[in-house]
C-alpha atoms as a PDB file:
ATOM      1  CA  UNK A   1       4.422 -35.465 -41.847  1.00  0.00           C
ATOM      2  CA  UNK A   2       2.546 -32.513 -40.342  1.00  0.00           C
ATOM      3  CA  UNK A   3      -1.063 -31.825 -41.243  1.00  0.00           C
ATOM      4  CA  UNK A   4       0.050 -28.659 -43.018  1.00  0.00           C
ATOM      5  CA  UNK A   5       2.540 -30.626 -45.127  1.00  0.00           C
ATOM      6  CA  UNK A   6      -0.110 -33.251 -45.924  1.00  0.00           C
ATOM      7  CA  UNK A   7      -2.661 -30.584 -46.910  1.00  0.00           C
ATOM      8  CA  UNK A   8      -0.080 -28.726 -48.998  1.00  0.00           C
ATOM      9  CA  UNK A   9       0.903 -31.926 -50.826  1.00  0.00           C
ATOM     10  CA  UNK A  10      -2.658 -33.070 -51.622  1.00  0.00           C
ATOM     11  CA  UNK A  11      -3.586 -29.552 -52.755  1.00  0.00           C
ATOM     12  CA  UNK A  12      -1.368 -30.141 -55.787  1.00  0.00           C
ATOM     13  CA  UNK A  13      -3.759 -32.903 -56.886  1.00  0.00           C
ATOM     14  CA  UNK A  14      -6.816 -30.630 -56.885  1.00  0.00           C
ATOM     15  CA  UNK A  15      -8.902 -30.565 -60.052  1.00  0.00           C
ATOM     16  CA  UNK A  16      -9.738 -26.851 -60.351  1.00  0.00           C
ATOM     17  CA  UNK A  17      -9.779 -25.988 -64.074  1.00  0.00           C
ATOM     18  CA  UNK A  18     -12.701 -23.551 -63.698  1.00  0.00           C
ATOM     19  CA  UNK A  19     -11.783 -21.504 -60.637  1.00  0.00           C
ATOM     20  CA  UNK A  20      -8.042 -22.254 -60.621  1.00  0.00           C
ATOM     21  CA  UNK A  21      -8.387 -22.168 -56.823  1.00  0.00           C
ATOM     22  CA  UNK A  22      -6.768 -25.312 -55.445  1.00  0.00           C
ATOM     23  CA  UNK A  23      -7.517 -26.278 -51.847  1.00  0.00           C
ATOM     24  CA  UNK A  24      -6.045 -29.039 -49.722  1.00  0.00           C
ATOM     25  CA  UNK A  25      -7.305 -30.388 -46.397  1.00  0.00           C
ATOM     26  CA  UNK A  26      -5.852 -32.824 -43.916  1.00  0.00           C
ATOM     27  CA  UNK A  27      -7.664 -34.382 -40.978  1.00  0.00           C
ATOM     28  CA  UNK A  28      -6.172 -36.250 -38.063  1.00  0.00           C
ATOM     29  CA  UNK A  29      -8.708 -38.619 -36.561  1.00  0.00           C
ATOM     30  CA  UNK A  30      -8.793 -39.525 -32.893  1.00  0.00           C
ATOM     31  CA  UNK A  31      -6.871 -42.712 -33.756  1.00  0.00           C
ATOM     32  CA  UNK A  32      -4.001 -40.573 -35.082  1.00  0.00           C
ATOM     33  CA  UNK A  33      -4.528 -41.535 -38.727  1.00  0.00           C
ATOM     34  CA  UNK A  34      -4.330 -38.740 -41.302  1.00  0.00           C
ATOM     35  CA  UNK A  35      -6.852 -38.378 -44.138  1.00  0.00           C
ATOM     36  CA  UNK A  36      -6.501 -35.883 -46.966  1.00  0.00           C
ATOM     37  CA  UNK A  37      -8.742 -34.339 -49.576  1.00  0.00           C
ATOM     38  CA  UNK A  38      -8.557 -31.772 -52.352  1.00  0.00           C
ATOM     39  CA  UNK A  39     -11.232 -29.868 -54.190  1.00  0.00           C
ATOM     40  CA  UNK A  40     -12.592 -31.502 -57.337  1.00  0.00           C
ATOM     41  CA  UNK A  41     -14.523 -29.181 -59.644  1.00  0.00           C
ATOM     42  CA  UNK A  42     -17.034 -30.208 -62.272  1.00  0.00           C
ATOM     43  CA  UNK A  43     -18.066 -28.455 -65.475  1.00  0.00           C
ATOM     44  CA  UNK A  44     -21.595 -28.390 -64.015  1.00  0.00           C
ATOM     45  CA  UNK A  45     -20.312 -25.755 -61.611  1.00  0.00           C
ATOM     46  CA  UNK A  46     -20.781 -25.751 -58.579  1.00  0.00           C
ATOM     47  CA  UNK A  47     -21.342 -29.501 -58.499  1.00  0.00           C
ATOM     48  CA  UNK A  48     -17.841 -30.171 -57.229  1.00  0.00           C
ATOM     49  CA  UNK A  49     -16.445 -31.469 -53.973  1.00  0.00           C
ATOM     50  CA  UNK A  50     -14.600 -29.390 -51.400  1.00  0.00           C
ATOM     51  CA  UNK A  51     -11.262 -30.490 -49.975  1.00  0.00           C
ATOM     52  CA  UNK A  52     -12.663 -30.799 -46.458  1.00  0.00           C
ATOM     53  CA  UNK A  53     -15.552 -32.956 -47.680  1.00  0.00           C
ATOM     54  CA  UNK A  54     -13.105 -35.224 -49.510  1.00  0.00           C
ATOM     55  CA  UNK A  55     -10.953 -35.678 -46.406  1.00  0.00           C
ATOM     56  CA  UNK A  56     -14.017 -36.407 -44.279  1.00  0.00           C
ATOM     57  CA  UNK A  57     -15.262 -38.938 -46.838  1.00  0.00           C
ATOM     58  CA  UNK A  58     -11.864 -40.691 -46.802  1.00  0.00           C
ATOM     59  CA  UNK A  59     -11.959 -40.836 -42.990  1.00  0.00           C
ATOM     60  CA  UNK A  60     -15.490 -42.260 -42.925  1.00  0.00           C
ATOM     61  CA  UNK A  61     -14.639 -44.752 -45.699  1.00  0.00           C
ATOM     62  CA  UNK A  62     -11.805 -45.978 -43.474  1.00  0.00           C
ATOM     63  CA  UNK A  63     -14.295 -46.610 -40.668  1.00  0.00           C
ATOM     64  CA  UNK A  64     -13.595 -43.572 -38.505  1.00  0.00           C
ATOM     65  CA  UNK A  65     -16.004 -40.830 -37.477  1.00  0.00           C
ATOM     66  CA  UNK A  66     -14.194 -38.567 -35.019  1.00  0.00           C
ATOM     67  CA  UNK A  67     -11.916 -35.689 -36.022  1.00  0.00           C
ATOM     68  CA  UNK A  68      -9.164 -34.587 -33.635  1.00  0.00           C
ATOM     69  CA  UNK A  69      -7.577 -31.827 -35.759  1.00  0.00           C
ATOM     70  CA  UNK A  70      -7.949 -30.201 -39.198  1.00  0.00           C
ATOM     71  CA  UNK A  71      -5.770 -28.099 -41.520  1.00  0.00           C
ATOM     72  CA  UNK A  72      -6.960 -26.326 -44.678  1.00  0.00           C
ATOM     73  CA  UNK A  73      -4.623 -24.607 -47.163  1.00  0.00           C
ATOM     74  CA  UNK A  74      -4.983 -22.598 -50.379  1.00  0.00           C
ATOM     75  CA  UNK A  75      -3.075 -20.006 -52.390  1.00  0.00           C
ATOM     76  CA  UNK A  76      -5.038 -17.081 -51.015  1.00  0.00           C
ATOM     77  CA  UNK A  77      -3.975 -13.693 -49.642  1.00  0.00           C
ATOM     78  CA  UNK A  78      -5.157 -14.668 -46.159  1.00  0.00           C
ATOM     79  CA  UNK A  79      -5.683 -18.054 -44.469  1.00  0.00           C
ATOM     80  CA  UNK A  80      -8.462 -19.920 -46.260  1.00  0.00           C
ATOM     81  CA  UNK A  81     -11.639 -20.723 -44.372  1.00  0.00           C
ATOM     82  CA  UNK A  82     -14.006 -23.645 -45.018  1.00  0.00           C
ATOM     83  CA  UNK A  83     -17.265 -22.809 -46.804  1.00  0.00           C
ATOM     84  CA  UNK A  84     -20.508 -22.948 -44.834  1.00  0.00           C
ATOM     85  CA  UNK A  85     -21.330 -26.479 -45.931  1.00  0.00           C
ATOM     86  CA  UNK A  86     -17.921 -27.761 -44.889  1.00  0.00           C
ATOM     87  CA  UNK A  87     -18.203 -25.991 -41.545  1.00  0.00           C
ATOM     88  CA  UNK A  88     -21.366 -28.028 -40.953  1.00  0.00           C
ATOM     89  CA  UNK A  89     -19.619 -31.217 -42.122  1.00  0.00           C
ATOM     90  CA  UNK A  90     -16.674 -30.574 -39.778  1.00  0.00           C
ATOM     91  CA  UNK A  91     -19.123 -29.960 -36.950  1.00  0.00           C
ATOM     92  CA  UNK A  92     -20.808 -33.324 -37.627  1.00  0.00           C
ATOM     93  CA  UNK A  93     -17.574 -35.219 -36.949  1.00  0.00           C
ATOM     94  CA  UNK A  94     -15.890 -32.926 -34.386  1.00  0.00           C
ATOM     95  CA  UNK A  95     -16.369 -31.559 -30.933  1.00  0.00           C
ATOM     96  CA  UNK A  96     -16.601 -27.782 -30.723  1.00  0.00           C
ATOM     97  CA  UNK A  97     -13.118 -27.603 -29.202  1.00  0.00           C
ATOM     98  CA  UNK A  98     -11.385 -29.286 -32.184  1.00  0.00           C
ATOM     99  CA  UNK A  99      -8.715 -26.985 -33.613  1.00  0.00           C
ATOM    100  CA  UNK A 100      -8.928 -26.003 -37.282  1.00  0.00           C
ATOM    101  CA  UNK A 101      -5.742 -24.523 -38.727  1.00  0.00           C
ATOM    102  CA  UNK A 102      -6.417 -22.172 -41.633  1.00  0.00           C
ATOM    103  CA  UNK A 103      -3.374 -21.279 -43.716  1.00  0.00           C
ATOM    104  CA  UNK A 104      -2.106 -20.128 -47.082  1.00  0.00           C
ATOM    105  CA  UNK A 105       0.961 -20.927 -49.186  1.00  0.00           C
ATOM    106  CA  UNK A 106       2.808 -17.942 -47.683  1.00  0.00           C
ATOM    107  CA  UNK A 107       2.681 -19.551 -44.240  1.00  0.00           C
ATOM    108  CA  UNK A 108       0.157 -17.166 -42.689  1.00  0.00           C
ATOM    109  CA  UNK A 109      -1.728 -19.182 -40.082  1.00  0.00           C
ATOM    110  CA  UNK A 110      -4.955 -18.652 -38.187  1.00  0.00           C
ATOM    111  CA  UNK A 111      -6.160 -21.211 -35.661  1.00  0.00           C
ATOM    112  CA  UNK A 112      -9.808 -21.518 -34.705  1.00  0.00           C
ATOM    113  CA  UNK A 113     -12.045 -23.999 -32.984  1.00  0.00           C
ATOM    114  CA  UNK A 114     -14.916 -25.692 -34.818  1.00  0.00           C
ATOM    115  CA  UNK A 115     -17.346 -23.894 -32.480  1.00  0.00           C
ATOM    116  CA  UNK A 116     -15.860 -20.545 -33.597  1.00  0.00           C
ATOM    117  CA  UNK A 117     -16.248 -21.467 -37.261  1.00  0.00           C
ATOM    118  CA  UNK A 118     -19.898 -22.437 -36.818  1.00  0.00           C
ATOM    119  CA  UNK A 119     -21.494 -20.939 -33.721  1.00  0.00           C
ATOM    120  CA  UNK A 120     -24.952 -22.312 -33.048  1.00  0.00           C
ATOM    121  CA  UNK A 121     -24.306 -25.370 -35.227  1.00  0.00           C
ATOM    122  CA  UNK A 122     -27.317 -27.492 -36.147  1.00  0.00           C
ATOM    123  CA  UNK A 123     -26.723 -30.827 -34.431  1.00  0.00           C
ATOM    124  CA  UNK A 124     -28.472 -34.047 -33.466  1.00  0.00           C
ATOM    125  CA  UNK A 125     -30.028 -32.441 -30.379  1.00  0.00           C
ATOM    126  CA  UNK A 126     -32.471 -30.670 -32.689  1.00  0.00           C
ATOM    127  CA  UNK A 127     -33.718 -34.043 -33.929  1.00  0.00           C
ATOM    128  CA  UNK A 128     -34.776 -35.472 -30.540  1.00  0.00           C
ATOM    129  CA  UNK A 129     -38.524 -35.263 -31.263  1.00  0.00           C
ATOM    130  CA  UNK A 130     -38.253 -36.893 -34.679  1.00  0.00           C
END
């Protein structure tokens, strides 16, 4: 199954009764395993979980910490992009050259690198004096 197919399938499980904006994400780790996540909203809006964060949590729970590739999908007029917080989360577990495929249900695709999504990312190098 492709990452797009995996993201599309898990998107259907999203819990989005407040925004009605379902998002699915699929991550391939460096081992080749695929982890998926969907957004989960909460009545105490915005205390929900993004799809990308859910997929990353599943990957880390499985004992992996390195992303090789990511796909994010939503029913939006243009390819959906991760929020700022998820861009930082993706950066934490990816090299800057990792490809992120942004897409929508109509099949419009935009491919970017993590470094393009979050230029000047805050990383561990900033913590060297701590």
